[in-house]
Amino acid sequence: MMFHRRTLLATPALLALPAQGPAHAQPIAGGRPVRLVVPFPPGGAVDLLGRLLAERLAPALGQNVVVENRGGAGGILGADAVAKGDKDGTMLGLIGVTTLAAFPFMTNRLPFDPVRDLAPVSQITDGALLCVVNAEIARRHGWTDFRSMILWSRANPEKVRMGSSGSGTSSHLNIEAINRAAQAQILHVPYRGGGPAINDLLAGNIEMMFDVMPALMPHVESGRFLAFAVSSNATLAFLPNVPGMAAFADLGLGRHNVVTWNAIMAPSGVPEATITRLHQAIGQVAADPAFVQRLQPLGYGTVVSRAPADLAALIQAERPFWQNLVEISGARLD
């Protein structure tokens, strides 16, 4: 099946703590502050992840870690800043899988090459997208679960409208794959950011969203949204009553498994010893149970690469999967 995604060469963080952390090593670049670029505006899930990571990475490295928000172009501007940053280990980026493995297939005009210009350090999280629907609209149409919504969309083409934070996002690629596999007829409606899409879902101007969880869960808890499914094949431990795609094998989604992830990347050319030091510090942070617990409400699992080379292999292994989703969606960034 074309929508099966393999995750390889990564280890749950609690199993990946280095034998000894870097606490007593010399600071990177003489102790200059480390800049962690978050390629999205403040307040979103990736920004919250970046700030939690920076807070804990500072004592692990023994020097200040400062978050810099460089939003724009779906993450491209921030990733480009990292690619062109200082090569001494003081410039890092929190970069998502779509930037690393999907965007190269959406445009011929990326200002950087993710493989040539970025050096892998470590994966840090993975997470599924959450499907929510407007509760009042669901009651009106008789949608009691994800299956009934999909079947209704088949009978009512493009009457189910899904908002996303933009074309080419993981939400967009995910819904187009679901449309093809399940013969659904859900219309993708791109917005300039997740906030406006959520506002329209609250107002009933669109019917549903697949998106990252932090901005959606308060409305699920209030009863205004219903949580119907997650985009991963399996359920999530902290949302045990929300089914994964394996529950909808009868709809053609038995192997659908769209899982996004974030990684720490540096500019190419950073010395190998410095990359190793950064990787060890990230492993130390990610193995802290308090860090793991803080990320769960954001919909993130904590996963670190065994070594930087394993993250490089993961990026290469994921490219065909995301290329396939891009081709299905027809998404372009030009």
C-alpha atoms as a PDB file:
ATOM      1  CA  MET A   1       0.000   0.000   0.000  1.00  0.00           C
ATOM      2  CA  MET A   2       1.361   3.396  -0.929  1.00  0.00           C
ATOM      3  CA  PHE A   3       0.481   5.178   2.315  1.00  0.00           C
ATOM      4  CA  HIS A   4       2.451   3.018   4.722  1.00  0.00           C
ATOM      5  CA  ARG A   5       5.210   4.941   6.486  1.00  0.00           C
ATOM      6  CA  ARG A   6       8.193   3.283   8.088  1.00  0.00           C
ATOM      7  CA  THR A   7       9.984   4.870  11.024  1.00  0.00           C
ATOM      8  CA  LEU A   8      13.472   3.532  11.439  1.00  0.00           C
ATOM      9  CA  LEU A   9      16.761   4.239  13.119  1.00  0.00           C
ATOM     10  CA  ALA A  10      15.182   5.995  16.081  1.00  0.00           C
ATOM     11  CA  THR A  11      14.852   5.034  19.712  1.00  0.00           C
ATOM     12  CA  PRO A  12      12.376   6.119  22.410  1.00  0.00           C
ATOM     13  CA  ALA A  13      14.125   8.769  24.436  1.00  0.00           C
ATOM     14  CA  LEU A  14      14.056   6.922  27.707  1.00  0.00           C
ATOM     15  CA  LEU A  15      16.172   4.185  26.127  1.00  0.00           C
ATOM     16  CA  ALA A  16      18.597   6.569  24.488  1.00  0.00           C
ATOM     17  CA  LEU A  17      20.294   8.325  27.390  1.00  0.00           C
ATOM     18  CA  PRO A  18      24.027   8.515  26.673  1.00  0.00           C
ATOM     19  CA  ALA A  19      26.267   6.594  29.036  1.00  0.00           C
ATOM     20  CA  GLN A  20      27.444   9.927  30.405  1.00  0.00           C
ATOM     21  CA  GLY A  21      26.268  13.400  29.601  1.00  0.00           C
ATOM     22  CA  PRO A  22      28.406  16.336  28.422  1.00  0.00           C
ATOM     23  CA  ALA A  23      28.015  18.375  31.595  1.00  0.00           C
ATOM     24  CA  HIS A  24      31.756  18.601  32.308  1.00  0.00           C
ATOM     25  CA  ALA A  25      32.934  19.151  28.722  1.00  0.00           C
ATOM     26  CA  GLN A  26      34.205  22.497  27.484  1.00  0.00           C
ATOM     27  CA  PRO A  27      31.466  24.825  26.191  1.00  0.00           C
ATOM     28  CA  ILE A  28      30.858  24.978  22.457  1.00  0.00           C
ATOM     29  CA  ALA A  29      32.540  27.915  20.685  1.00  0.00           C
ATOM     30  CA  GLY A  30      34.002  29.250  23.910  1.00  0.00           C
ATOM     31  CA  GLY A  31      30.616  29.472  25.595  1.00  0.00           C
ATOM     32  CA  ARG A  32      28.886  31.765  23.105  1.00  0.00           C
ATOM     33  CA  PRO A  33      25.065  31.519  23.289  1.00  0.00           C
ATOM     34  CA  VAL A  34      23.569  28.797  21.121  1.00  0.00           C
ATOM     35  CA  ARG A  35      20.783  30.049  18.870  1.00  0.00           C
ATOM     36  CA  LEU A  36      17.898  27.632  18.308  1.00  0.00           C
ATOM     37  CA  VAL A  37      15.876  28.719  15.285  1.00  0.00           C
ATOM     38  CA  VAL A  38      12.164  27.890  15.370  1.00  0.00           C
ATOM     39  CA  PRO A  39      10.891  28.402  11.808  1.00  0.00           C
ATOM     40  CA  PHE A  40       7.384  29.419  12.900  1.00  0.00           C
ATOM     41  CA  PRO A  41       5.884  32.331  14.845  1.00  0.00           C
ATOM     42  CA  PRO A  42       5.645  32.283  18.649  1.00  0.00           C
ATOM     43  CA  GLY A  43       2.797  30.445  20.325  1.00  0.00           C
ATOM     44  CA  GLY A  44       2.447  27.341  18.174  1.00  0.00           C
ATOM     45  CA  ALA A  45       3.286  23.754  19.024  1.00  0.00           C
ATOM     46  CA  VAL A  46       6.751  23.878  17.420  1.00  0.00           C
ATOM     47  CA  ASP A  47       7.552  27.098  19.271  1.00  0.00           C
ATOM     48  CA  LEU A  48       6.504  25.550  22.587  1.00  0.00           C
ATOM     49  CA  LEU A  49       8.659  22.519  21.816  1.00  0.00           C
ATOM     50  CA  GLY A  50      11.614  24.768  20.995  1.00  0.00           C
ATOM     51  CA  ARG A  51      11.303  26.706  24.243  1.00  0.00           C
ATOM     52  CA  LEU A  52      11.019  23.566  26.356  1.00  0.00           C
ATOM     53  CA  LEU A  53      14.062  22.154  24.602  1.00  0.00           C
ATOM     54  CA  ALA A  54      16.121  25.336  24.923  1.00  0.00           C
ATOM     55  CA  GLU A  55      15.321  25.608  28.628  1.00  0.00           C
ATOM     56  CA  ARG A  56      16.755  22.150  29.269  1.00  0.00           C
ATOM     57  CA  LEU A  57      19.513  22.172  26.668  1.00  0.00           C
ATOM     58  CA  ALA A  58      21.225  25.152  28.317  1.00  0.00           C
ATOM     59  CA  PRO A  59      22.289  23.302  31.492  1.00  0.00           C
ATOM     60  CA  ALA A  60      23.103  20.171  29.461  1.00  0.00           C
ATOM     61  CA  LEU A  61      25.566  22.207  27.378  1.00  0.00           C
ATOM     62  CA  GLY A  62      26.662  24.550  30.133  1.00  0.00           C
ATOM     63  CA  GLN A  63      25.832  27.697  28.121  1.00  0.00           C
ATOM     64  CA  ASN A  64      22.858  29.837  27.170  1.00  0.00           C
ATOM     65  CA  VAL A  65      20.452  28.625  24.483  1.00  0.00           C
ATOM     66  CA  VAL A  66      18.276  31.326  22.921  1.00  0.00           C
ATOM     67  CA  VAL A  67      15.184  30.688  20.800  1.00  0.00           C
ATOM     68  CA  GLU A  68      14.874  32.725  17.616  1.00  0.00           C
ATOM     69  CA  ASN A  69      11.522  32.659  15.808  1.00  0.00           C
ATOM     70  CA  ARG A  70      11.988  33.026  12.062  1.00  0.00           C
ATOM     71  CA  GLY A  71       8.593  32.272  10.583  1.00  0.00           C
ATOM     72  CA  GLY A  72       7.631  32.409   6.941  1.00  0.00           C
ATOM     73  CA  ALA A  73       7.092  30.280   3.852  1.00  0.00           C
ATOM     74  CA  GLY A  74       5.971  27.266   5.857  1.00  0.00           C
ATOM     75  CA  GLY A  75       9.307  26.909   7.626  1.00  0.00           C
ATOM     76  CA  ILE A  76      11.585  27.558   4.656  1.00  0.00           C
ATOM     77  CA  LEU A  77      12.915  30.918   5.840  1.00  0.00           C
ATOM     78  CA  GLY A  78      13.981  29.573   9.201  1.00  0.00           C
ATOM     79  CA  ALA A  79      15.605  26.482   7.721  1.00  0.00           C
ATOM     80  CA  ASP A  80      17.450  28.667   5.226  1.00  0.00           C
ATOM     81  CA  ALA A  81      18.780  30.820   8.070  1.00  0.00           C
ATOM     82  CA  VAL A  82      20.161  27.696   9.731  1.00  0.00           C
ATOM     83  CA  ALA A  83      21.707  26.459   6.492  1.00  0.00           C
ATOM     84  CA  LYS A  84      23.540  29.779   6.133  1.00  0.00           C
ATOM     85  CA  GLY A  85      24.405  30.130   9.834  1.00  0.00           C
ATOM     86  CA  ASP A  86      27.674  29.941  11.749  1.00  0.00           C
ATOM     87  CA  LYS A  87      29.419  26.595  11.464  1.00  0.00           C
ATOM     88  CA  ASP A  88      30.730  26.431  15.022  1.00  0.00           C
ATOM     89  CA  GLY A  89      27.741  24.704  16.655  1.00  0.00           C
ATOM     90  CA  THR A  90      26.057  27.870  17.891  1.00  0.00           C
ATOM     91  CA  MET A  91      23.339  27.849  15.198  1.00  0.00           C
ATOM     92  CA  LEU A  92      20.730  25.098  15.359  1.00  0.00           C
ATOM     93  CA  GLY A  93      17.294  24.672  13.856  1.00  0.00           C
ATOM     94  CA  LEU A  94      14.180  22.777  14.925  1.00  0.00           C
ATOM     95  CA  ILE A  95      13.216  21.522  11.482  1.00  0.00           C
ATOM     96  CA  GLY A  96      10.196  19.416  10.511  1.00  0.00           C
ATOM     97  CA  VAL A  97       9.980  16.418   8.231  1.00  0.00           C
ATOM     98  CA  THR A  98       8.029  18.269   5.541  1.00  0.00           C
ATOM     99  CA  THR A  99      10.882  20.770   5.148  1.00  0.00           C
ATOM    100  CA  LEU A 100      13.469  18.007   5.010  1.00  0.00           C
ATOM    101  CA  ALA A 101      11.652  15.362   2.975  1.00  0.00           C
ATOM    102  CA  ALA A 102       8.617  16.900   1.243  1.00  0.00           C
ATOM    103  CA  PHE A 103       9.437  20.474   0.234  1.00  0.00           C
ATOM    104  CA  PRO A 104      12.192  19.439  -2.214  1.00  0.00           C
ATOM    105  CA  PHE A 105       9.450  17.803  -4.294  1.00  0.00           C
ATOM    106  CA  MET A 106       7.152  20.851  -4.213  1.00  0.00           C
ATOM    107  CA  THR A 107       9.509  23.381  -5.752  1.00  0.00           C
ATOM    108  CA  ASN A 108      12.691  23.711  -7.775  1.00  0.00           C
ATOM    109  CA  ARG A 109      13.520  26.972  -6.025  1.00  0.00           C
ATOM    110  CA  LEU A 110      14.346  26.080  -2.450  1.00  0.00           C
ATOM    111  CA  PRO A 111      17.071  28.519  -1.325  1.00  0.00           C
ATOM    112  CA  PHE A 112      18.989  25.635   0.259  1.00  0.00           C
ATOM    113  CA  ASP A 113      19.433  21.903  -0.217  1.00  0.00           C
ATOM    114  CA  PRO A 114      18.271  20.011   2.905  1.00  0.00           C
ATOM    115  CA  VAL A 115      20.809  17.232   2.337  1.00  0.00           C
ATOM    116  CA  ARG A 116      23.781  19.321   1.221  1.00  0.00           C
ATOM    117  CA  ASP A 117      23.344  22.385   3.436  1.00  0.00           C
ATOM    118  CA  LEU A 118      22.009  20.974   6.712  1.00  0.00           C
ATOM    119  CA  ALA A 119      23.814  18.605   9.066  1.00  0.00           C
ATOM    120  CA  PRO A 120      21.669  16.143  11.043  1.00  0.00           C
ATOM    121  CA  VAL A 121      22.081  16.160  14.823  1.00  0.00           C
ATOM    122  CA  SER A 122      19.114  14.215  16.211  1.00  0.00           C
ATOM    123  CA  GLN A 123      15.428  13.598  15.834  1.00  0.00           C
ATOM    124  CA  ILE A 124      13.628  14.913  18.912  1.00  0.00           C
ATOM    125  CA  THR A 125       9.883  14.207  18.506  1.00  0.00           C
ATOM    126  CA  ASP A 126       7.252  12.524  16.447  1.00  0.00           C
ATOM    127  CA  GLY A 127       3.497  12.972  16.505  1.00  0.00           C
ATOM    128  CA  ALA A 128       0.267  12.296  14.699  1.00  0.00           C
ATOM    129  CA  LEU A 129      -2.312  14.776  13.436  1.00  0.00           C
ATOM    130  CA  LEU A 130      -5.706  14.937  15.145  1.00  0.00           C
ATOM    131  CA  CYS A 131      -8.964  14.899  13.178  1.00  0.00           C
ATOM    132  CA  VAL A 132     -11.607  17.131  14.741  1.00  0.00           C
ATOM    133  CA  VAL A 133     -15.041  18.152  13.491  1.00  0.00           C
ATOM    134  CA  ASN A 134     -17.447  20.892  14.489  1.00  0.00           C
ATOM    135  CA  ALA A 135     -19.706  19.166  17.027  1.00  0.00           C
ATOM    136  CA  GLU A 136     -22.908  20.922  15.951  1.00  0.00           C
ATOM    137  CA  ILE A 137     -22.328  20.117  12.279  1.00  0.00           C
ATOM    138  CA  ALA A 138     -21.597  16.501  13.186  1.00  0.00           C
ATOM    139  CA  ARG A 139     -24.919  16.231  15.019  1.00  0.00           C
ATOM    140  CA  ARG A 140     -26.736  17.847  12.120  1.00  0.00           C
ATOM    141  CA  HIS A 141     -25.325  15.367   9.608  1.00  0.00           C
ATOM    142  CA  GLY A 142     -25.449  12.327  11.860  1.00  0.00           C
ATOM    143  CA  TRP A 143     -21.670  11.868  12.057  1.00  0.00           C
ATOM    144  CA  THR A 144     -20.928   9.736  15.083  1.00  0.00           C
ATOM    145  CA  ASP A 145     -17.365   8.835  14.165  1.00  0.00           C
ATOM    146  CA  PHE A 146     -14.698   9.109  11.474  1.00  0.00           C
ATOM    147  CA  ARG A 147     -16.218   6.285   9.419  1.00  0.00           C
ATOM    148  CA  SER A 148     -19.649   7.929   9.178  1.00  0.00           C
ATOM    149  CA  MET A 149     -18.040  11.235   8.127  1.00  0.00           C
ATOM    150  CA  ILE A 150     -16.035   9.530   5.369  1.00  0.00           C
ATOM    151  CA  LEU A 151     -19.115   7.704   4.078  1.00  0.00           C
ATOM    152  CA  TRP A 152     -21.121  10.952   4.132  1.00  0.00           C
ATOM    153  CA  SER A 153     -18.373  12.681   2.138  1.00  0.00           C
ATOM    154  CA  ARG A 154     -18.593  10.006  -0.545  1.00  0.00           C
ATOM    155  CA  ALA A 155     -22.293  10.704  -0.973  1.00  0.00           C
ATOM    156  CA  ASN A 156     -21.836  14.480  -0.729  1.00  0.00           C
ATOM    157  CA  PRO A 157     -18.698  15.378  -2.720  1.00  0.00           C
ATOM    158  CA  GLU A 158     -16.747  18.395  -1.431  1.00  0.00           C
ATOM    159  CA  LYS A 159     -19.434  19.238   1.144  1.00  0.00           C
ATOM    160  CA  VAL A 160     -16.987  18.273   3.884  1.00  0.00           C
ATOM    161  CA  ARG A 161     -14.382  21.035   3.939  1.00  0.00           C
ATOM    162  CA  MET A 162     -11.103  20.604   5.794  1.00  0.00           C
ATOM    163  CA  GLY A 163      -9.163  23.687   6.837  1.00  0.00           C
ATOM    164  CA  SER A 164      -5.373  23.662   7.103  1.00  0.00           C
ATOM    165  CA  SER A 165      -2.592  26.137   7.775  1.00  0.00           C
ATOM    166  CA  GLY A 166      -1.636  26.108   4.107  1.00  0.00           C
ATOM    167  CA  SER A 167      -0.997  24.172   0.924  1.00  0.00           C
ATOM    168  CA  GLY A 168       1.786  21.624   1.155  1.00  0.00           C
ATOM    169  CA  THR A 169       1.509  21.189   4.914  1.00  0.00           C
ATOM    170  CA  SER A 170       1.380  17.744   6.466  1.00  0.00           C
ATOM    171  CA  SER A 171      -2.360  18.289   7.031  1.00  0.00           C
ATOM    172  CA  HIS A 172      -2.886  18.901   3.321  1.00  0.00           C
ATOM    173  CA  LEU A 173      -0.798  15.931   2.235  1.00  0.00           C
ATOM    174  CA  ASN A 174      -2.526  13.704   4.776  1.00  0.00           C
ATOM    175  CA  ILE A 175      -6.085  14.480   3.674  1.00  0.00           C
ATOM    176  CA  GLU A 176      -5.316  13.979  -0.005  1.00  0.00           C
ATOM    177  CA  ALA A 177      -3.888  10.539   0.808  1.00  0.00           C
ATOM    178  CA  ILE A 178      -7.039   9.729   2.792  1.00  0.00           C
ATOM    179  CA  ASN A 179      -9.221  10.918  -0.075  1.00  0.00           C
ATOM    180  CA  ARG A 180      -7.483   8.606  -2.490  1.00  0.00           C
ATOM    181  CA  ALA A 181      -7.282   5.544  -0.241  1.00  0.00           C
ATOM    182  CA  ALA A 182     -10.803   5.813   1.176  1.00  0.00           C
ATOM    183  CA  GLN A 183     -12.462   7.236  -1.958  1.00  0.00           C
ATOM    184  CA  ALA A 184     -13.506  10.165   0.202  1.00  0.00           C
ATOM    185  CA  GLN A 185     -14.553  13.515  -1.224  1.00  0.00           C
ATOM    186  CA  ILE A 186     -13.209  15.980   1.343  1.00  0.00           C
ATOM    187  CA  LEU A 187     -12.313  19.443   0.043  1.00  0.00           C
ATOM    188  CA  HIS A 188      -9.045  20.956   1.249  1.00  0.00           C
ATOM    189  CA  VAL A 189      -9.317  24.649   2.168  1.00  0.00           C
ATOM    190  CA  PRO A 190      -5.909  26.273   2.847  1.00  0.00           C
ATOM    191  CA  TYR A 191      -5.596  29.195   5.260  1.00  0.00           C
ATOM    192  CA  ARG A 192      -2.705  31.470   6.143  1.00  0.00           C
ATOM    193  CA  GLY A 193      -2.078  29.776   9.451  1.00  0.00           C
ATOM    194  CA  GLY A 194      -3.876  27.401  11.741  1.00  0.00           C
ATOM    195  CA  GLY A 195      -5.536  30.113  13.829  1.00  0.00           C
ATOM    196  CA  PRO A 196      -7.873  31.408  11.094  1.00  0.00           C
ATOM    197  CA  ALA A 197      -8.797  27.829  10.158  1.00  0.00           C
ATOM    198  CA  ILE A 198      -9.706  27.014  13.756  1.00  0.00           C
ATOM    199  CA  ASN A 199     -11.813  30.175  13.991  1.00  0.00           C
ATOM    200  CA  ASP A 200     -13.737  29.161  10.874  1.00  0.00           C
ATOM    201  CA  LEU A 201     -14.225  25.647  12.238  1.00  0.00           C
ATOM    202  CA  LEU A 202     -15.604  27.110  15.451  1.00  0.00           C
ATOM    203  CA  ALA A 203     -17.939  29.316  13.400  1.00  0.00           C
ATOM    204  CA  GLY A 204     -19.107  26.394  11.256  1.00  0.00           C
ATOM    205  CA  ASN A 205     -17.700  27.826   8.032  1.00  0.00           C
ATOM    206  CA  ILE A 206     -15.752  24.603   7.521  1.00  0.00           C
ATOM    207  CA  GLU A 207     -16.548  21.161   8.863  1.00  0.00           C
ATOM    208  CA  MET A 208     -13.263  19.601  10.003  1.00  0.00           C
ATOM    209  CA  MET A 209      -9.514  19.823  10.468  1.00  0.00           C
ATOM    210  CA  PHE A 210      -6.557  17.473  10.674  1.00  0.00           C
ATOM    211  CA  ASP A 211      -3.850  19.347  12.564  1.00  0.00           C
ATOM    212  CA  VAL A 212      -1.382  19.324  15.441  1.00  0.00           C
ATOM    213  CA  MET A 213      -3.054  18.954  18.798  1.00  0.00           C
ATOM    214  CA  PRO A 214      -2.297  21.844  21.180  1.00  0.00           C
ATOM    215  CA  ALA A 215      -4.617  24.377  19.532  1.00  0.00           C
ATOM    216  CA  LEU A 216      -7.371  21.809  18.975  1.00  0.00           C
ATOM    217  CA  MET A 217      -7.603  20.021  22.318  1.00  0.00           C
ATOM    218  CA  PRO A 218      -9.078  22.920  24.346  1.00  0.00           C
ATOM    219  CA  HIS A 219     -12.053  22.944  21.968  1.00  0.00           C
ATOM    220  CA  VAL A 220     -12.377  19.161  22.224  1.00  0.00           C
ATOM    221  CA  GLU A 221     -12.413  19.478  25.996  1.00  0.00           C
ATOM    222  CA  SER A 222     -15.061  22.214  25.806  1.00  0.00           C
ATOM    223  CA  GLY A 223     -17.273  20.044  23.590  1.00  0.00           C
ATOM    224  CA  ARG A 224     -17.233  22.363  20.573  1.00  0.00           C
ATOM    225  CA  PHE A 225     -15.050  19.942  18.589  1.00  0.00           C
ATOM    226  CA  LEU A 226     -15.318  16.166  18.452  1.00  0.00           C
ATOM    227  CA  ALA A 227     -12.096  14.160  18.138  1.00  0.00           C
ATOM    228  CA  PHE A 228     -12.680  11.489  15.492  1.00  0.00           C
ATOM    229  CA  ALA A 229      -9.272   9.978  14.665  1.00  0.00           C
ATOM    230  CA  VAL A 230      -5.514  10.394  14.560  1.00  0.00           C
ATOM    231  CA  SER A 231      -3.448  10.155  11.381  1.00  0.00           C
ATOM    232  CA  SER A 232      -1.133   7.467  12.757  1.00  0.00           C
ATOM    233  CA  ASN A 233      -1.897   3.820  12.231  1.00  0.00           C
ATOM    234  CA  ALA A 234      -2.205   3.133  15.958  1.00  0.00           C
ATOM    235  CA  THR A 235      -3.953   4.975  18.753  1.00  0.00           C
ATOM    236  CA  LEU A 236      -1.949   7.289  21.012  1.00  0.00           C
ATOM    237  CA  ALA A 237      -1.373   6.415  24.650  1.00  0.00           C
ATOM    238  CA  PHE A 238      -2.736   9.717  25.938  1.00  0.00           C
ATOM    239  CA  LEU A 239      -5.821   9.597  23.645  1.00  0.00           C
ATOM    240  CA  PRO A 240      -6.794   5.933  24.012  1.00  0.00           C
ATOM    241  CA  ASN A 241     -10.392   6.492  22.918  1.00  0.00           C
ATOM    242  CA  VAL A 242      -9.489   8.211  19.650  1.00  0.00           C
ATOM    243  CA  PRO A 243      -8.884   5.543  16.972  1.00  0.00           C
ATOM    244  CA  GLY A 244      -5.923   5.370  14.641  1.00  0.00           C
ATOM    245  CA  MET A 245      -6.215   4.580  10.965  1.00  0.00           C
ATOM    246  CA  ALA A 246      -5.864   0.820  11.531  1.00  0.00           C
ATOM    247  CA  ALA A 247      -9.453   0.902  12.798  1.00  0.00           C
ATOM    248  CA  PHE A 248     -10.616   1.887   9.308  1.00  0.00           C
ATOM    249  CA  ALA A 249      -9.104  -0.917   7.262  1.00  0.00           C
ATOM    250  CA  ASP A 250     -12.540  -1.482   5.709  1.00  0.00           C
ATOM    251  CA  LEU A 251     -12.271   2.029   4.221  1.00  0.00           C
ATOM    252  CA  GLY A 252      -8.881   1.297   2.651  1.00  0.00           C
ATOM    253  CA  LEU A 253      -6.918   3.003   5.434  1.00  0.00           C
ATOM    254  CA  GLY A 254      -5.482  -0.029   7.198  1.00  0.00           C
ATOM    255  CA  ARG A 255      -1.888   0.951   6.454  1.00  0.00           C
ATOM    256  CA  HIS A 256      -2.288   4.722   6.380  1.00  0.00           C
ATOM    257  CA  ASN A 257       0.277   6.113   8.819  1.00  0.00           C
ATOM    258  CA  VAL A 258       1.122   9.799   8.527  1.00  0.00           C
ATOM    259  CA  VAL A 259       3.390  10.750  11.405  1.00  0.00           C
ATOM    260  CA  THR A 260       5.220  14.047  11.433  1.00  0.00           C
ATOM    261  CA  TRP A 261       8.476  14.611  13.271  1.00  0.00           C
ATOM    262  CA  ASN A 262      10.943  17.306  14.199  1.00  0.00           C
ATOM    263  CA  ALA A 263      14.729  17.172  14.271  1.00  0.00           C
ATOM    264  CA  ILE A 264      17.616  19.316  15.377  1.00  0.00           C
ATOM    265  CA  MET A 265      19.730  20.322  12.383  1.00  0.00           C
ATOM    266  CA  ALA A 266      22.901  22.391  12.126  1.00  0.00           C
ATOM    267  CA  PRO A 267      24.606  24.031   9.156  1.00  0.00           C
ATOM    268  CA  SER A 268      26.757  21.689   7.120  1.00  0.00           C
ATOM    269  CA  GLY A 269      30.413  22.073   8.033  1.00  0.00           C
ATOM    270  CA  VAL A 270      30.042  21.983  11.808  1.00  0.00           C
ATOM    271  CA  PRO A 271      32.902  19.832  13.187  1.00  0.00           C
ATOM    272  CA  GLU A 272      31.957  16.213  13.825  1.00  0.00           C
ATOM    273  CA  ALA A 273      33.026  16.408  17.469  1.00  0.00           C
ATOM    274  CA  THR A 274      30.668  19.347  18.005  1.00  0.00           C
ATOM    275  CA  ILE A 275      27.773  17.492  16.337  1.00  0.00           C
ATOM    276  CA  THR A 276      28.459  14.526  18.639  1.00  0.00           C
ATOM    277  CA  ARG A 277      28.478  16.819  21.665  1.00  0.00           C
ATOM    278  CA  LEU A 278      25.146  18.360  20.650  1.00  0.00           C
ATOM    279  CA  HIS A 279      23.652  14.918  20.049  1.00  0.00           C
ATOM    280  CA  GLN A 280      24.678  13.776  23.525  1.00  0.00           C
ATOM    281  CA  ALA A 281      23.162  16.871  25.134  1.00  0.00           C
ATOM    282  CA  ILE A 282      19.882  16.373  23.268  1.00  0.00           C
ATOM    283  CA  GLY A 283      19.785  12.746  24.385  1.00  0.00           C
ATOM    284  CA  GLN A 284      20.313  13.856  27.972  1.00  0.00           C
ATOM    285  CA  VAL A 285      17.404  16.304  27.752  1.00  0.00           C
ATOM    286  CA  ALA A 286      15.058  13.911  25.958  1.00  0.00           C
ATOM    287  CA  ALA A 287      15.627  11.154  28.523  1.00  0.00           C
ATOM    288  CA  ASP A 288      14.302  13.346  31.338  1.00  0.00           C
ATOM    289  CA  PRO A 289      10.806  12.026  32.246  1.00  0.00           C
ATOM    290  CA  ALA A 290       9.663  15.568  33.065  1.00  0.00           C
ATOM    291  CA  PHE A 291      10.493  16.662  29.503  1.00  0.00           C
ATOM    292  CA  VAL A 292       8.620  13.682  28.072  1.00  0.00           C
ATOM    293  CA  GLN A 293       5.568  14.462  30.195  1.00  0.00           C
ATOM    294  CA  ARG A 294       5.581  18.149  29.216  1.00  0.00           C
ATOM    295  CA  LEU A 295       5.454  17.211  25.538  1.00  0.00           C
ATOM    296  CA  GLN A 296       2.567  14.750  25.751  1.00  0.00           C
ATOM    297  CA  PRO A 297      -0.201  17.415  25.872  1.00  0.00           C
ATOM    298  CA  LEU A 298       1.332  18.872  22.706  1.00  0.00           C
ATOM    299  CA  GLY A 299       0.773  15.557  20.937  1.00  0.00           C
ATOM    300  CA  TYR A 300       4.482  14.805  20.733  1.00  0.00           C
ATOM    301  CA  GLY A 301       6.284  11.576  21.476  1.00  0.00           C
ATOM    302  CA  THR A 302       9.939  11.968  22.422  1.00  0.00           C
ATOM    303  CA  VAL A 303      12.312  10.130  20.086  1.00  0.00           C
ATOM    304  CA  VAL A 304      16.044  10.577  19.597  1.00  0.00           C
ATOM    305  CA  SER A 305      18.299   9.200  16.893  1.00  0.00           C
ATOM    306  CA  ARG A 306      20.909   6.671  17.989  1.00  0.00           C
ATOM    307  CA  ALA A 307      23.501   8.778  16.165  1.00  0.00           C
ATOM    308  CA  PRO A 308      23.489  11.734  13.750  1.00  0.00           C
ATOM    309  CA  ALA A 309      24.159   9.344  10.856  1.00  0.00           C
ATOM    310  CA  ASP A 310      20.934   7.520  11.689  1.00  0.00           C
ATOM    311  CA  LEU A 311      18.955  10.742  11.312  1.00  0.00           C
ATOM    312  CA  ALA A 312      20.568  11.266   7.906  1.00  0.00           C
ATOM    313  CA  ALA A 313      19.467   7.751   6.944  1.00  0.00           C
ATOM    314  CA  LEU A 314      15.950   8.407   8.239  1.00  0.00           C
ATOM    315  CA  ILE A 315      15.608  11.545   6.101  1.00  0.00           C
ATOM    316  CA  GLN A 316      16.660   9.622   3.006  1.00  0.00           C
ATOM    317  CA  ALA A 317      14.342   6.729   3.840  1.00  0.00           C
ATOM    318  CA  GLU A 318      11.356   9.046   4.324  1.00  0.00           C
ATOM    319  CA  ARG A 319      11.761  10.987   1.083  1.00  0.00           C
ATOM    320  CA  PRO A 320       9.918   8.482  -1.167  1.00  0.00           C
ATOM    321  CA  PHE A 321       6.958   8.409   1.221  1.00  0.00           C
ATOM    322  CA  TRP A 322       6.605  12.203   1.286  1.00  0.00           C
ATOM    323  CA  GLN A 323       7.304  12.483  -2.448  1.00  0.00           C
ATOM    324  CA  ASN A 324       4.366  10.148  -3.016  1.00  0.00           C
ATOM    325  CA  LEU A 325       2.098  12.312  -0.845  1.00  0.00           C
ATOM    326  CA  VAL A 326       3.219  15.441  -2.698  1.00  0.00           C
ATOM    327  CA  GLU A 327       2.423  13.818  -6.045  1.00  0.00           C
ATOM    328  CA  ILE A 328      -1.012  12.726  -4.813  1.00  0.00           C
ATOM    329  CA  SER A 329      -1.825  16.194  -3.486  1.00  0.00           C
ATOM    330  CA  GLY A 330      -0.423  18.181  -6.393  1.00  0.00           C
ATOM    331  CA  ALA A 331       0.955  20.666  -3.849  1.00  0.00           C
ATOM    332  CA  ARG A 332       3.398  23.260  -5.165  1.00  0.00           C
ATOM    333  CA  LEU A 333       5.298  26.050  -3.436  1.00  0.00           C
ATOM    334  CA  ASP A 334       6.181  27.963  -6.618  1.00  0.00           C
END
